[in-house]
Amino acid sequence: GIAARSAAWDRLAAGSAPFRRAERRFSLIW
């Protein structure tokens, strides 16, 4: 719920391939 971290999430989701892979892998595991 921290605004700075939410903004950081959005930047990583837009520009970090490792971050997006981890995001997809989390849903794939579930």
mmCIF file of all heavy atoms, coordinates in Angstrom:
data_MODEL
# 
_entry.id   MODEL 
# 
loop_
_atom_site.group_PDB 
_atom_site.id 
_atom_site.type_symbol 
_atom_site.label_atom_id 
_atom_site.label_alt_id 
_atom_site.label_comp_id 
_atom_site.label_asym_id 
_atom_site.label_entity_id 
_atom_site.label_seq_id 
_atom_site.pdbx_PDB_ins_code 
_atom_site.Cartn_x 
_atom_site.Cartn_y 
_atom_site.Cartn_z 
_atom_site.occupancy 
_atom_site.B_iso_or_equiv 
_atom_site.pdbx_formal_charge 
_atom_site.auth_seq_id 
_atom_site.auth_comp_id 
_atom_site.auth_asym_id 
_atom_site.auth_atom_id 
_atom_site.pdbx_PDB_model_num 
ATOM 1   N N   . GLY A 1 1  ? 0.788  -1.227  0.000   1.00 0.00 ? 1  GLY A N   1 
ATOM 2   C CA  . GLY A 1 1  ? 0.000  0.000   0.000   1.00 0.00 ? 1  GLY A CA  1 
ATOM 3   C C   . GLY A 1 1  ? 0.820  1.277   0.000   1.00 0.00 ? 1  GLY A C   1 
ATOM 4   O O   . GLY A 1 1  ? 0.273  2.364   0.206   1.00 0.00 ? 1  GLY A O   1 
ATOM 5   N N   . ILE A 1 2  ? 2.129  1.171   -0.221  1.00 0.00 ? 2  ILE A N   1 
ATOM 6   C CA  . ILE A 1 2  ? 3.013  2.345   -0.232  1.00 0.00 ? 2  ILE A CA  1 
ATOM 7   C C   . ILE A 1 2  ? 3.068  2.914   -1.654  1.00 0.00 ? 2  ILE A C   1 
ATOM 8   O O   . ILE A 1 2  ? 3.363  2.191   -2.609  1.00 0.00 ? 2  ILE A O   1 
ATOM 9   C CB  . ILE A 1 2  ? 4.431  1.964   0.247   1.00 0.00 ? 2  ILE A CB  1 
ATOM 10  C CG1 . ILE A 1 2  ? 4.357  1.381   1.666   1.00 0.00 ? 2  ILE A CG1 1 
ATOM 11  C CG2 . ILE A 1 2  ? 5.355  3.176   0.215   1.00 0.00 ? 2  ILE A CG2 1 
ATOM 12  C CD1 . ILE A 1 2  ? 5.684  0.831   2.154   1.00 0.00 ? 2  ILE A CD1 1 
ATOM 13  N N   . ALA A 1 3  ? 2.776  4.220   -1.777  1.00 0.00 ? 3  ALA A N   1 
ATOM 14  C CA  . ALA A 1 3  ? 2.685  4.836   -3.107  1.00 0.00 ? 3  ALA A CA  1 
ATOM 15  C C   . ALA A 1 3  ? 3.984  4.707   -3.889  1.00 0.00 ? 3  ALA A C   1 
ATOM 16  O O   . ALA A 1 3  ? 3.977  4.436   -5.095  1.00 0.00 ? 3  ALA A O   1 
ATOM 17  C CB  . ALA A 1 3  ? 2.297  6.307   -2.956  1.00 0.00 ? 3  ALA A CB  1 
ATOM 18  N N   . ALA A 1 4  ? 5.122  4.886   -3.217  1.00 0.00 ? 4  ALA A N   1 
ATOM 19  C CA  . ALA A 1 4  ? 6.412  4.801   -3.915  1.00 0.00 ? 4  ALA A CA  1 
ATOM 20  C C   . ALA A 1 4  ? 6.650  3.400   -4.460  1.00 0.00 ? 4  ALA A C   1 
ATOM 21  O O   . ALA A 1 4  ? 7.191  3.235   -5.559  1.00 0.00 ? 4  ALA A O   1 
ATOM 22  C CB  . ALA A 1 4  ? 7.544  5.185   -2.958  1.00 0.00 ? 4  ALA A CB  1 
ATOM 23  N N   . ARG A 1 5  ? 6.225  2.384   -3.704  1.00 0.00 ? 5  ARG A N   1 
ATOM 24  C CA  . ARG A 1 5  ? 6.406  1.012   -4.179  1.00 0.00 ? 5  ARG A CA  1 
ATOM 25  C C   . ARG A 1 5  ? 5.431  0.694   -5.312  1.00 0.00 ? 5  ARG A C   1 
ATOM 26  O O   . ARG A 1 5  ? 5.770  -0.070  -6.215  1.00 0.00 ? 5  ARG A O   1 
ATOM 27  C CB  . ARG A 1 5  ? 6.219  0.032   -3.021  1.00 0.00 ? 5  ARG A CB  1 
ATOM 28  C CG  . ARG A 1 5  ? 7.339  0.100   -1.994  1.00 0.00 ? 5  ARG A CG  1 
ATOM 29  C CD  . ARG A 1 5  ? 7.260  -1.050  -1.020  1.00 0.00 ? 5  ARG A CD  1 
ATOM 30  N NE  . ARG A 1 5  ? 8.335  -1.010  -0.042  1.00 0.00 ? 5  ARG A NE  1 
ATOM 31  C CZ  . ARG A 1 5  ? 8.552  -1.951  0.873   1.00 0.00 ? 5  ARG A CZ  1 
ATOM 32  N NH1 . ARG A 1 5  ? 7.759  -3.013  0.940   1.00 0.00 ? 5  ARG A NH1 1 
ATOM 33  N NH2 . ARG A 1 5  ? 9.547  -1.834  1.728   1.00 0.00 ? 5  ARG A NH2 1 
ATOM 34  N N   . SER A 1 6  ? 4.224  1.243   -5.248  1.00 0.00 ? 6  SER A N   1 
ATOM 35  C CA  . SER A 1 6  ? 3.270  1.028   -6.343  1.00 0.00 ? 6  SER A CA  1 
ATOM 36  C C   . SER A 1 6  ? 3.805  1.625   -7.640  1.00 0.00 ? 6  SER A C   1 
ATOM 37  O O   . SER A 1 6  ? 3.695  1.019   -8.711  1.00 0.00 ? 6  SER A O   1 
ATOM 38  C CB  . SER A 1 6  ? 1.917  1.657   -5.985  1.00 0.00 ? 6  SER A CB  1 
ATOM 39  O OG  . SER A 1 6  ? 1.334  1.015   -4.871  1.00 0.00 ? 6  SER A OG  1 
ATOM 40  N N   . ALA A 1 7  ? 4.398  2.817   -7.524  1.00 0.00 ? 7  ALA A N   1 
ATOM 41  C CA  . ALA A 1 7  ? 4.994  3.443   -8.711  1.00 0.00 ? 7  ALA A CA  1 
ATOM 42  C C   . ALA A 1 7  ? 6.184  2.623   -9.209  1.00 0.00 ? 7  ALA A C   1 
ATOM 43  O O   . ALA A 1 7  ? 6.385  2.468   -10.420 1.00 0.00 ? 7  ALA A O   1 
ATOM 44  C CB  . ALA A 1 7  ? 5.429  4.865   -8.379  1.00 0.00 ? 7  ALA A CB  1 
ATOM 45  N N   . ALA A 1 8  ? 6.968  2.085   -8.265  1.00 0.00 ? 8  ALA A N   1 
ATOM 46  C CA  . ALA A 1 8  ? 8.107  1.244   -8.643  1.00 0.00 ? 8  ALA A CA  1 
ATOM 47  C C   . ALA A 1 8  ? 7.633  -0.018  -9.344  1.00 0.00 ? 8  ALA A C   1 
ATOM 48  O O   . ALA A 1 8  ? 8.256  -0.473  -10.317 1.00 0.00 ? 8  ALA A O   1 
ATOM 49  C CB  . ALA A 1 8  ? 8.929  0.898   -7.400  1.00 0.00 ? 8  ALA A CB  1 
ATOM 50  N N   . TRP A 1 9  ? 6.536  -0.618  -8.846  1.00 0.00 ? 9  TRP A N   1 
ATOM 51  C CA  . TRP A 1 9  ? 5.962  -1.800  -9.505  1.00 0.00 ? 9  TRP A CA  1 
ATOM 52  C C   . TRP A 1 9  ? 5.623  -1.482  -10.955 1.00 0.00 ? 9  TRP A C   1 
ATOM 53  O O   . TRP A 1 9  ? 5.943  -2.254  -11.864 1.00 0.00 ? 9  TRP A O   1 
ATOM 54  C CB  . TRP A 1 9  ? 4.725  -2.256  -8.742  1.00 0.00 ? 9  TRP A CB  1 
ATOM 55  C CG  . TRP A 1 9  ? 3.960  -3.356  -9.419  1.00 0.00 ? 9  TRP A CG  1 
ATOM 56  C CD1 . TRP A 1 9  ? 3.240  -3.275  -10.585 1.00 0.00 ? 9  TRP A CD1 1 
ATOM 57  C CD2 . TRP A 1 9  ? 3.844  -4.717  -8.989  1.00 0.00 ? 9  TRP A CD2 1 
ATOM 58  N NE1 . TRP A 1 9  ? 2.681  -4.486  -10.908 1.00 0.00 ? 9  TRP A NE1 1 
ATOM 59  C CE2 . TRP A 1 9  ? 3.044  -5.390  -9.949  1.00 0.00 ? 9  TRP A CE2 1 
ATOM 60  C CE3 . TRP A 1 9  ? 4.330  -5.430  -7.893  1.00 0.00 ? 9  TRP A CE3 1 
ATOM 61  C CZ2 . TRP A 1 9  ? 2.703  -6.735  -9.829  1.00 0.00 ? 9  TRP A CZ2 1 
ATOM 62  C CZ3 . TRP A 1 9  ? 3.996  -6.773  -7.779  1.00 0.00 ? 9  TRP A CZ3 1 
ATOM 63  C CH2 . TRP A 1 9  ? 3.200  -7.420  -8.736  1.00 0.00 ? 9  TRP A CH2 1 
ATOM 64  N N   . ASP A 1 10 ? 4.946  -0.347  -11.173 1.00 0.00 ? 10 ASP A N   1 
ATOM 65  C CA  . ASP A 1 10 ? 4.520  0.016   -12.526 1.00 0.00 ? 10 ASP A CA  1 
ATOM 66  C C   . ASP A 1 10 ? 5.725  0.211   -13.449 1.00 0.00 ? 10 ASP A C   1 
ATOM 67  O O   . ASP A 1 10 ? 5.688  -0.196  -14.619 1.00 0.00 ? 10 ASP A O   1 
ATOM 68  C CB  . ASP A 1 10 ? 3.675  1.296   -12.478 1.00 0.00 ? 10 ASP A CB  1 
ATOM 69  C CG  . ASP A 1 10 ? 2.352  1.085   -11.754 1.00 0.00 ? 10 ASP A CG  1 
ATOM 70  O OD1 . ASP A 1 10 ? 1.895  -0.073  -11.684 1.00 0.00 ? 10 ASP A OD1 1 
ATOM 71  O OD2 . ASP A 1 10 ? 1.791  2.077   -11.249 1.00 0.00 ? 10 ASP A OD2 1 
ATOM 72  N N   . ARG A 1 11 ? 6.787  0.823   -12.924 1.00 0.00 ? 11 ARG A N   1 
ATOM 73  C CA  . ARG A 1 11 ? 7.981  1.022   -13.760 1.00 0.00 ? 11 ARG A CA  1 
ATOM 74  C C   . ARG A 1 11 ? 8.638  -0.314  -14.097 1.00 0.00 ? 11 ARG A C   1 
ATOM 75  O O   . ARG A 1 11 ? 9.058  -0.539  -15.242 1.00 0.00 ? 11 ARG A O   1 
ATOM 76  C CB  . ARG A 1 11 ? 8.977  1.928   -13.032 1.00 0.00 ? 11 ARG A CB  1 
ATOM 77  C CG  . ARG A 1 11 ? 8.538  3.381   -12.917 1.00 0.00 ? 11 ARG A CG  1 
ATOM 78  C CD  . ARG A 1 11 ? 9.691  4.272   -12.482 1.00 0.00 ? 11 ARG A CD  1 
ATOM 79  N NE  . ARG A 1 11 ? 10.213 3.896   -11.167 1.00 0.00 ? 11 ARG A NE  1 
ATOM 80  C CZ  . ARG A 1 11 ? 9.744  4.363   -10.016 1.00 0.00 ? 11 ARG A CZ  1 
ATOM 81  N NH1 . ARG A 1 11 ? 8.720  5.223   -10.007 1.00 0.00 ? 11 ARG A NH1 1 
ATOM 82  N NH2 . ARG A 1 11 ? 10.276 3.991   -8.860  1.00 0.00 ? 11 ARG A NH2 1 
ATOM 83  N N   . LEU A 1 12 ? 8.722  -1.211  -13.120 1.00 0.00 ? 12 LEU A N   1 
ATOM 84  C CA  . LEU A 1 12 ? 9.334  -2.516  -13.371 1.00 0.00 ? 12 LEU A CA  1 
ATOM 85  C C   . LEU A 1 12 ? 8.476  -3.347  -14.321 1.00 0.00 ? 12 LEU A C   1 
ATOM 86  O O   . LEU A 1 12 ? 9.006  -4.055  -15.188 1.00 0.00 ? 12 LEU A O   1 
ATOM 87  C CB  . LEU A 1 12 ? 9.515  -3.257  -12.044 1.00 0.00 ? 12 LEU A CB  1 
ATOM 88  C CG  . LEU A 1 12 ? 10.611 -2.712  -11.117 1.00 0.00 ? 12 LEU A CG  1 
ATOM 89  C CD1 . LEU A 1 12 ? 10.498 -3.350  -9.740  1.00 0.00 ? 12 LEU A CD1 1 
ATOM 90  C CD2 . LEU A 1 12 ? 11.986 -2.959  -11.718 1.00 0.00 ? 12 LEU A CD2 1 
ATOM 91  N N   . ALA A 1 13 ? 7.160  -3.286  -14.151 1.00 0.00 ? 13 ALA A N   1 
ATOM 92  C CA  . ALA A 1 13 ? 6.268  -4.044  -15.027 1.00 0.00 ? 13 ALA A CA  1 
ATOM 93  C C   . ALA A 1 13 ? 6.376  -3.573  -16.471 1.00 0.00 ? 13 ALA A C   1 
ATOM 94  O O   . ALA A 1 13 ? 6.167  -4.349  -17.413 1.00 0.00 ? 13 ALA A O   1 
ATOM 95  C CB  . ALA A 1 13 ? 4.823  -3.921  -14.537 1.00 0.00 ? 13 ALA A CB  1 
ATOM 96  N N   . ALA A 1 14 ? 6.722  -2.297  -16.644 1.00 0.00 ? 14 ALA A N   1 
ATOM 97  C CA  . ALA A 1 14 ? 6.831  -1.750  -18.000 1.00 0.00 ? 14 ALA A CA  1 
ATOM 98  C C   . ALA A 1 14 ? 8.204  -1.959  -18.609 1.00 0.00 ? 14 ALA A C   1 
ATOM 99  O O   . ALA A 1 14 ? 8.323  -2.095  -19.836 1.00 0.00 ? 14 ALA A O   1 
ATOM 100 C CB  . ALA A 1 14 ? 6.504  -0.254  -17.980 1.00 0.00 ? 14 ALA A CB  1 
ATOM 101 N N   . GLY A 1 15 ? 9.264  -2.033  -17.764 1.00 0.00 ? 15 GLY A N   1 
ATOM 102 C CA  . GLY A 1 15 ? 10.591 -2.052  -18.336 1.00 0.00 ? 15 GLY A CA  1 
ATOM 103 C C   . GLY A 1 15 ? 11.534 -3.149  -17.889 1.00 0.00 ? 15 GLY A C   1 
ATOM 104 O O   . GLY A 1 15 ? 12.684 -3.179  -18.347 1.00 0.00 ? 15 GLY A O   1 
ATOM 105 N N   . SER A 1 16 ? 11.104 -4.059  -17.012 1.00 0.00 ? 16 SER A N   1 
ATOM 106 C CA  . SER A 1 16 ? 12.006 -5.098  -16.510 1.00 0.00 ? 16 SER A CA  1 
ATOM 107 C C   . SER A 1 16 ? 11.515 -6.476  -16.939 1.00 0.00 ? 16 SER A C   1 
ATOM 108 O O   . SER A 1 16 ? 10.469 -6.949  -16.481 1.00 0.00 ? 16 SER A O   1 
ATOM 109 C CB  . SER A 1 16 ? 12.098 -5.024  -14.980 1.00 0.00 ? 16 SER A CB  1 
ATOM 110 O OG  . SER A 1 16 ? 12.831 -6.122  -14.477 1.00 0.00 ? 16 SER A OG  1 
ATOM 111 N N   . ALA A 1 17 ? 12.293 -7.140  -17.789 1.00 0.00 ? 17 ALA A N   1 
ATOM 112 C CA  . ALA A 1 17 ? 11.934 -8.486  -18.235 1.00 0.00 ? 17 ALA A CA  1 
ATOM 113 C C   . ALA A 1 17 ? 11.974 -9.502  -17.095 1.00 0.00 ? 17 ALA A C   1 
ATOM 114 O O   . ALA A 1 17 ? 11.059 -10.331 -16.979 1.00 0.00 ? 17 ALA A O   1 
ATOM 115 C CB  . ALA A 1 17 ? 12.845 -8.925  -19.372 1.00 0.00 ? 17 ALA A CB  1 
ATOM 116 N N   . PRO A 1 18 ? 12.986 -9.501  -16.203 1.00 0.00 ? 18 PRO A N   1 
ATOM 117 C CA  . PRO A 1 18 ? 12.990 -10.445 -15.077 1.00 0.00 ? 18 PRO A CA  1 
ATOM 118 C C   . PRO A 1 18 ? 11.775 -10.266 -14.172 1.00 0.00 ? 18 PRO A C   1 
ATOM 119 O O   . PRO A 1 18 ? 11.232 -11.255 -13.661 1.00 0.00 ? 18 PRO A O   1 
ATOM 120 C CB  . PRO A 1 18 ? 14.291 -10.112 -14.343 1.00 0.00 ? 18 PRO A CB  1 
ATOM 121 C CG  . PRO A 1 18 ? 15.170 -9.512  -15.377 1.00 0.00 ? 18 PRO A CG  1 
ATOM 122 C CD  . PRO A 1 18 ? 14.255 -8.746  -16.269 1.00 0.00 ? 18 PRO A CD  1 
ATOM 123 N N   . PHE A 1 19 ? 11.358 -9.032  -13.961 1.00 0.00 ? 19 PHE A N   1 
ATOM 124 C CA  . PHE A 1 19 ? 10.196 -8.774  -13.120 1.00 0.00 ? 19 PHE A CA  1 
ATOM 125 C C   . PHE A 1 19 ? 8.934  -9.343  -13.747 1.00 0.00 ? 19 PHE A C   1 
ATOM 126 O O   . PHE A 1 19 ? 8.122  -9.983  -13.080 1.00 0.00 ? 19 PHE A O   1 
ATOM 127 C CB  . PHE A 1 19 ? 10.037 -7.263  -12.911 1.00 0.00 ? 19 PHE A CB  1 
ATOM 128 C CG  . PHE A 1 19 ? 8.951  -6.888  -11.942 1.00 0.00 ? 19 PHE A CG  1 
ATOM 129 C CD1 . PHE A 1 19 ? 9.197  -6.847  -10.579 1.00 0.00 ? 19 PHE A CD1 1 
ATOM 130 C CD2 . PHE A 1 19 ? 7.670  -6.569  -12.393 1.00 0.00 ? 19 PHE A CD2 1 
ATOM 131 C CE1 . PHE A 1 19 ? 8.200  -6.496  -9.673  1.00 0.00 ? 19 PHE A CE1 1 
ATOM 132 C CE2 . PHE A 1 19 ? 6.670  -6.220  -11.506 1.00 0.00 ? 19 PHE A CE2 1 
ATOM 133 C CZ  . PHE A 1 19 ? 6.935  -6.185  -10.144 1.00 0.00 ? 19 PHE A CZ  1 
ATOM 134 N N   . ARG A 1 20 ? 8.767  -9.136  -15.052 1.00 0.00 ? 20 ARG A N   1 
ATOM 135 C CA  . ARG A 1 20 ? 7.583  -9.659  -15.740 1.00 0.00 ? 20 ARG A CA  1 
ATOM 136 C C   . ARG A 1 20 ? 7.589  -11.186 -15.758 1.00 0.00 ? 20 ARG A C   1 
ATOM 137 O O   . ARG A 1 20 ? 6.524  -11.811 -15.650 1.00 0.00 ? 20 ARG A O   1 
ATOM 138 C CB  . ARG A 1 20 ? 7.510  -9.106  -17.162 1.00 0.00 ? 20 ARG A CB  1 
ATOM 139 C CG  . ARG A 1 20 ? 7.184  -7.615  -17.239 1.00 0.00 ? 20 ARG A CG  1 
ATOM 140 C CD  . ARG A 1 20 ? 6.760  -7.221  -18.646 1.00 0.00 ? 20 ARG A CD  1 
ATOM 141 N NE  . ARG A 1 20 ? 7.829  -7.468  -19.606 1.00 0.00 ? 20 ARG A NE  1 
ATOM 142 C CZ  . ARG A 1 20 ? 8.746  -6.565  -19.932 1.00 0.00 ? 20 ARG A CZ  1 
ATOM 143 N NH1 . ARG A 1 20 ? 8.736  -5.366  -19.363 1.00 0.00 ? 20 ARG A NH1 1 
ATOM 144 N NH2 . ARG A 1 20 ? 9.672  -6.843  -20.835 1.00 0.00 ? 20 ARG A NH2 1 
ATOM 145 N N   . ARG A 1 21 ? 8.771  -11.795 -15.899 1.00 0.00 ? 21 ARG A N   1 
ATOM 146 C CA  . ARG A 1 21 ? 8.841  -13.258 -15.868 1.00 0.00 ? 21 ARG A CA  1 
ATOM 147 C C   . ARG A 1 21 ? 8.410  -13.796 -14.507 1.00 0.00 ? 21 ARG A C   1 
ATOM 148 O O   . ARG A 1 21 ? 7.686  -14.792 -14.422 1.00 0.00 ? 21 ARG A O   1 
ATOM 149 C CB  . ARG A 1 21 ? 10.267 -13.723 -16.196 1.00 0.00 ? 21 ARG A CB  1 
ATOM 150 C CG  . ARG A 1 21 ? 10.618 -13.658 -17.668 1.00 0.00 ? 21 ARG A CG  1 
ATOM 151 C CD  . ARG A 1 21 ? 11.850 -14.506 -17.973 1.00 0.00 ? 21 ARG A CD  1 
ATOM 152 N NE  . ARG A 1 21 ? 13.032 -14.015 -17.259 1.00 0.00 ? 21 ARG A NE  1 
ATOM 153 C CZ  . ARG A 1 21 ? 13.869 -13.110 -17.755 1.00 0.00 ? 21 ARG A CZ  1 
ATOM 154 N NH1 . ARG A 1 21 ? 13.668 -12.595 -18.954 1.00 0.00 ? 21 ARG A NH1 1 
ATOM 155 N NH2 . ARG A 1 21 ? 14.927 -12.742 -17.060 1.00 0.00 ? 21 ARG A NH2 1 
ATOM 156 N N   . ALA A 1 22 ? 8.850  -13.148 -13.441 1.00 0.00 ? 22 ALA A N   1 
ATOM 157 C CA  . ALA A 1 22 ? 8.451  -13.575 -12.099 1.00 0.00 ? 22 ALA A CA  1 
ATOM 158 C C   . ALA A 1 22 ? 6.955  -13.406 -11.888 1.00 0.00 ? 22 ALA A C   1 
ATOM 159 O O   . ALA A 1 22 ? 6.299  -14.246 -11.261 1.00 0.00 ? 22 ALA A O   1 
ATOM 160 C CB  . ALA A 1 22 ? 9.235  -12.776 -11.053 1.00 0.00 ? 22 ALA A CB  1 
ATOM 161 N N   . GLU A 1 23 ? 6.402  -12.335 -12.431 1.00 0.00 ? 23 GLU A N   1 
ATOM 162 C CA  . GLU A 1 23 ? 4.964  -12.089 -12.316 1.00 0.00 ? 23 GLU A CA  1 
ATOM 163 C C   . GLU A 1 23 ? 4.171  -13.189 -13.014 1.00 0.00 ? 23 GLU A C   1 
ATOM 164 O O   . GLU A 1 23 ? 3.181  -13.715 -12.473 1.00 0.00 ? 23 GLU A O   1 
ATOM 165 C CB  . GLU A 1 23 ? 4.634  -10.723 -12.924 1.00 0.00 ? 23 GLU A CB  1 
ATOM 166 C CG  . GLU A 1 23 ? 3.163  -10.344 -12.840 1.00 0.00 ? 23 GLU A CG  1 
ATOM 167 C CD  . GLU A 1 23 ? 2.854  -9.055  -13.577 1.00 0.00 ? 23 GLU A CD  1 
ATOM 168 O OE1 . GLU A 1 23 ? 3.774  -8.522  -14.265 1.00 0.00 ? 23 GLU A OE1 1 
ATOM 169 O OE2 . GLU A 1 23 ? 1.726  -8.579  -13.485 1.00 0.00 ? 23 GLU A OE2 1 
ATOM 170 N N   . ARG A 1 24 ? 4.594  -13.560 -14.217 1.00 0.00 ? 24 ARG A N   1 
ATOM 171 C CA  . ARG A 1 24 ? 3.912  -14.613 -14.959 1.00 0.00 ? 24 ARG A CA  1 
ATOM 172 C C   . ARG A 1 24 ? 4.094  -15.974 -14.281 1.00 0.00 ? 24 ARG A C   1 
ATOM 173 O O   . ARG A 1 24 ? 3.159  -16.777 -14.219 1.00 0.00 ? 24 ARG A O   1 
ATOM 174 C CB  . ARG A 1 24 ? 4.423  -14.667 -16.401 1.00 0.00 ? 24 ARG A CB  1 
ATOM 175 C CG  . ARG A 1 24 ? 4.065  -13.453 -17.243 1.00 0.00 ? 24 ARG A CG  1 
ATOM 176 C CD  . ARG A 1 24 ? 4.319  -13.721 -18.719 1.00 0.00 ? 24 ARG A CD  1 
ATOM 177 N NE  . ARG A 1 24 ? 5.723  -14.001 -18.985 1.00 0.00 ? 24 ARG A NE  1 
ATOM 178 C CZ  . ARG A 1 24 ? 6.622  -13.078 -19.308 1.00 0.00 ? 24 ARG A CZ  1 
ATOM 179 N NH1 . ARG A 1 24 ? 6.265  -11.814 -19.393 1.00 0.00 ? 24 ARG A NH1 1 
ATOM 180 N NH2 . ARG A 1 24 ? 7.877  -13.410 -19.552 1.00 0.00 ? 24 ARG A NH2 1 
ATOM 181 N N   . ARG A 1 25 ? 5.301  -16.218 -13.778 1.00 0.00 ? 25 ARG A N   1 
ATOM 182 C CA  . ARG A 1 25 ? 5.584  -17.497 -13.129 1.00 0.00 ? 25 ARG A CA  1 
ATOM 183 C C   . ARG A 1 25 ? 4.732  -17.687 -11.880 1.00 0.00 ? 25 ARG A C   1 
ATOM 184 O O   . ARG A 1 25 ? 4.303  -18.803 -11.576 1.00 0.00 ? 25 ARG A O   1 
ATOM 185 C CB  . ARG A 1 25 ? 7.072  -17.585 -12.783 1.00 0.00 ? 25 ARG A CB  1 
ATOM 186 C CG  . ARG A 1 25 ? 7.512  -18.945 -12.272 1.00 0.00 ? 25 ARG A CG  1 
ATOM 187 C CD  . ARG A 1 25 ? 9.021  -19.084 -12.282 1.00 0.00 ? 25 ARG A CD  1 
ATOM 188 N NE  . ARG A 1 25 ? 9.664  -18.116 -11.410 1.00 0.00 ? 25 ARG A NE  1 
ATOM 189 C CZ  . ARG A 1 25 ? 10.437 -17.113 -11.827 1.00 0.00 ? 25 ARG A CZ  1 
ATOM 190 N NH1 . ARG A 1 25 ? 10.646 -16.941 -13.132 1.00 0.00 ? 25 ARG A NH1 1 
ATOM 191 N NH2 . ARG A 1 25 ? 10.998 -16.286 -10.978 1.00 0.00 ? 25 ARG A NH2 1 
ATOM 192 N N   . PHE A 1 26 ? 4.465  -16.617 -11.160 1.00 0.00 ? 26 PHE A N   1 
ATOM 193 C CA  . PHE A 1 26 ? 3.638  -16.701 -9.948  1.00 0.00 ? 26 PHE A CA  1 
ATOM 194 C C   . PHE A 1 26 ? 2.241  -17.219 -10.287 1.00 0.00 ? 26 PHE A C   1 
ATOM 195 O O   . PHE A 1 26 ? 1.727  -18.130 -9.636  1.00 0.00 ? 26 PHE A O   1 
ATOM 196 C CB  . PHE A 1 26 ? 3.545  -15.320 -9.291  1.00 0.00 ? 26 PHE A CB  1 
ATOM 197 C CG  . PHE A 1 26 ? 2.801  -15.306 -7.992  1.00 0.00 ? 26 PHE A CG  1 
ATOM 198 C CD1 . PHE A 1 26 ? 3.417  -15.688 -6.817  1.00 0.00 ? 26 PHE A CD1 1 
ATOM 199 C CD2 . PHE A 1 26 ? 1.471  -14.910 -7.945  1.00 0.00 ? 26 PHE A CD2 1 
ATOM 200 C CE1 . PHE A 1 26 ? 2.736  -15.683 -5.610  1.00 0.00 ? 26 PHE A CE1 1 
ATOM 201 C CE2 . PHE A 1 26 ? 0.781  -14.892 -6.746  1.00 0.00 ? 26 PHE A CE2 1 
ATOM 202 C CZ  . PHE A 1 26 ? 1.412  -15.281 -5.576  1.00 0.00 ? 26 PHE A CZ  1 
ATOM 203 N N   . SER A 1 27 ? 1.625  -16.647 -11.314 1.00 0.00 ? 27 SER A N   1 
ATOM 204 C CA  . SER A 1 27 ? 0.289  -17.105 -11.723 1.00 0.00 ? 27 SER A CA  1 
ATOM 205 C C   . SER A 1 27 ? 0.335  -18.523 -12.271 1.00 0.00 ? 27 SER A C   1 
ATOM 206 O O   . SER A 1 27 ? -0.576 -19.325 -12.035 1.00 0.00 ? 27 SER A O   1 
ATOM 207 C CB  . SER A 1 27 ? -0.297 -16.159 -12.782 1.00 0.00 ? 27 SER A CB  1 
ATOM 208 O OG  . SER A 1 27 ? -0.716 -14.938 -12.197 1.00 0.00 ? 27 SER A OG  1 
ATOM 209 N N   . LEU A 1 28 ? 1.409  -18.854 -13.003 1.00 0.00 ? 28 LEU A N   1 
ATOM 210 C CA  . LEU A 1 28 ? 1.533  -20.195 -13.570 1.00 0.00 ? 28 LEU A CA  1 
ATOM 211 C C   . LEU A 1 28 ? 1.633  -21.246 -12.461 1.00 0.00 ? 28 LEU A C   1 
ATOM 212 O O   . LEU A 1 28 ? 1.057  -22.338 -12.571 1.00 0.00 ? 28 LEU A O   1 
ATOM 213 C CB  . LEU A 1 28 ? 2.764  -20.262 -14.476 1.00 0.00 ? 28 LEU A CB  1 
ATOM 214 C CG  . LEU A 1 28 ? 2.869  -21.475 -15.400 1.00 0.00 ? 28 LEU A CG  1 
ATOM 215 C CD1 . LEU A 1 28 ? 1.675  -21.529 -16.337 1.00 0.00 ? 28 LEU A CD1 1 
ATOM 216 C CD2 . LEU A 1 28 ? 4.166  -21.414 -16.196 1.00 0.00 ? 28 LEU A CD2 1 
ATOM 217 N N   . ILE A 1 29 ? 2.334  -20.928 -11.394 1.00 0.00 ? 29 ILE A N   1 
ATOM 218 C CA  . ILE A 1 29 ? 2.450  -21.856 -10.262 1.00 0.00 ? 29 ILE A CA  1 
ATOM 219 C C   . ILE A 1 29 ? 1.083  -22.093 -9.640  1.00 0.00 ? 29 ILE A C   1 
ATOM 220 O O   . ILE A 1 29 ? 0.685  -23.243 -9.380  1.00 0.00 ? 29 ILE A O   1 
ATOM 221 C CB  . ILE A 1 29 ? 3.431  -21.296 -9.220  1.00 0.00 ? 29 ILE A CB  1 
ATOM 222 C CG1 . ILE A 1 29 ? 4.869  -21.373 -9.749  1.00 0.00 ? 29 ILE A CG1 1 
ATOM 223 C CG2 . ILE A 1 29 ? 3.317  -22.059 -7.899  1.00 0.00 ? 29 ILE A CG2 1 
ATOM 224 C CD1 . ILE A 1 29 ? 5.883  -20.650 -8.891  1.00 0.00 ? 29 ILE A CD1 1 
ATOM 225 N N   . TRP A 1 30 ? 0.337  -21.028 -9.413  1.00 0.00 ? 30 TRP A N   1 
ATOM 226 C CA  . TRP A 1 30 ? -0.990 -21.174 -8.802  1.00 0.00 ? 30 TRP A CA  1 
ATOM 227 C C   . TRP A 1 30 ? -1.937 -21.971 -9.700  1.00 0.00 ? 30 TRP A C   1 
ATOM 228 O O   . TRP A 1 30 ? -2.664 -22.839 -9.243  1.00 0.00 ? 30 TRP A O   1 
ATOM 229 C CB  . TRP A 1 30 ? -1.577 -19.795 -8.501  1.00 0.00 ? 30 TRP A CB  1 
ATOM 230 C CG  . TRP A 1 30 ? -1.179 -19.273 -7.160  1.00 0.00 ? 30 TRP A CG  1 
ATOM 231 C CD1 . TRP A 1 30 ? -0.101 -18.508 -6.856  1.00 0.00 ? 30 TRP A CD1 1 
ATOM 232 C CD2 . TRP A 1 30 ? -1.868 -19.499 -5.926  1.00 0.00 ? 30 TRP A CD2 1 
ATOM 233 N NE1 . TRP A 1 30 ? -0.064 -18.238 -5.516  1.00 0.00 ? 30 TRP A NE1 1 
ATOM 234 C CE2 . TRP A 1 30 ? -1.132 -18.829 -4.917  1.00 0.00 ? 30 TRP A CE2 1 
ATOM 235 C CE3 . TRP A 1 30 ? -3.016 -20.194 -5.574  1.00 0.00 ? 30 TRP A CE3 1 
ATOM 236 C CZ2 . TRP A 1 30 ? -1.515 -18.841 -3.572  1.00 0.00 ? 30 TRP A CZ2 1 
ATOM 237 C CZ3 . TRP A 1 30 ? -3.411 -20.200 -4.236  1.00 0.00 ? 30 TRP A CZ3 1 
ATOM 238 C CH2 . TRP A 1 30 ? -2.661 -19.538 -3.256  1.00 0.00 ? 30 TRP A CH2 1 
# 
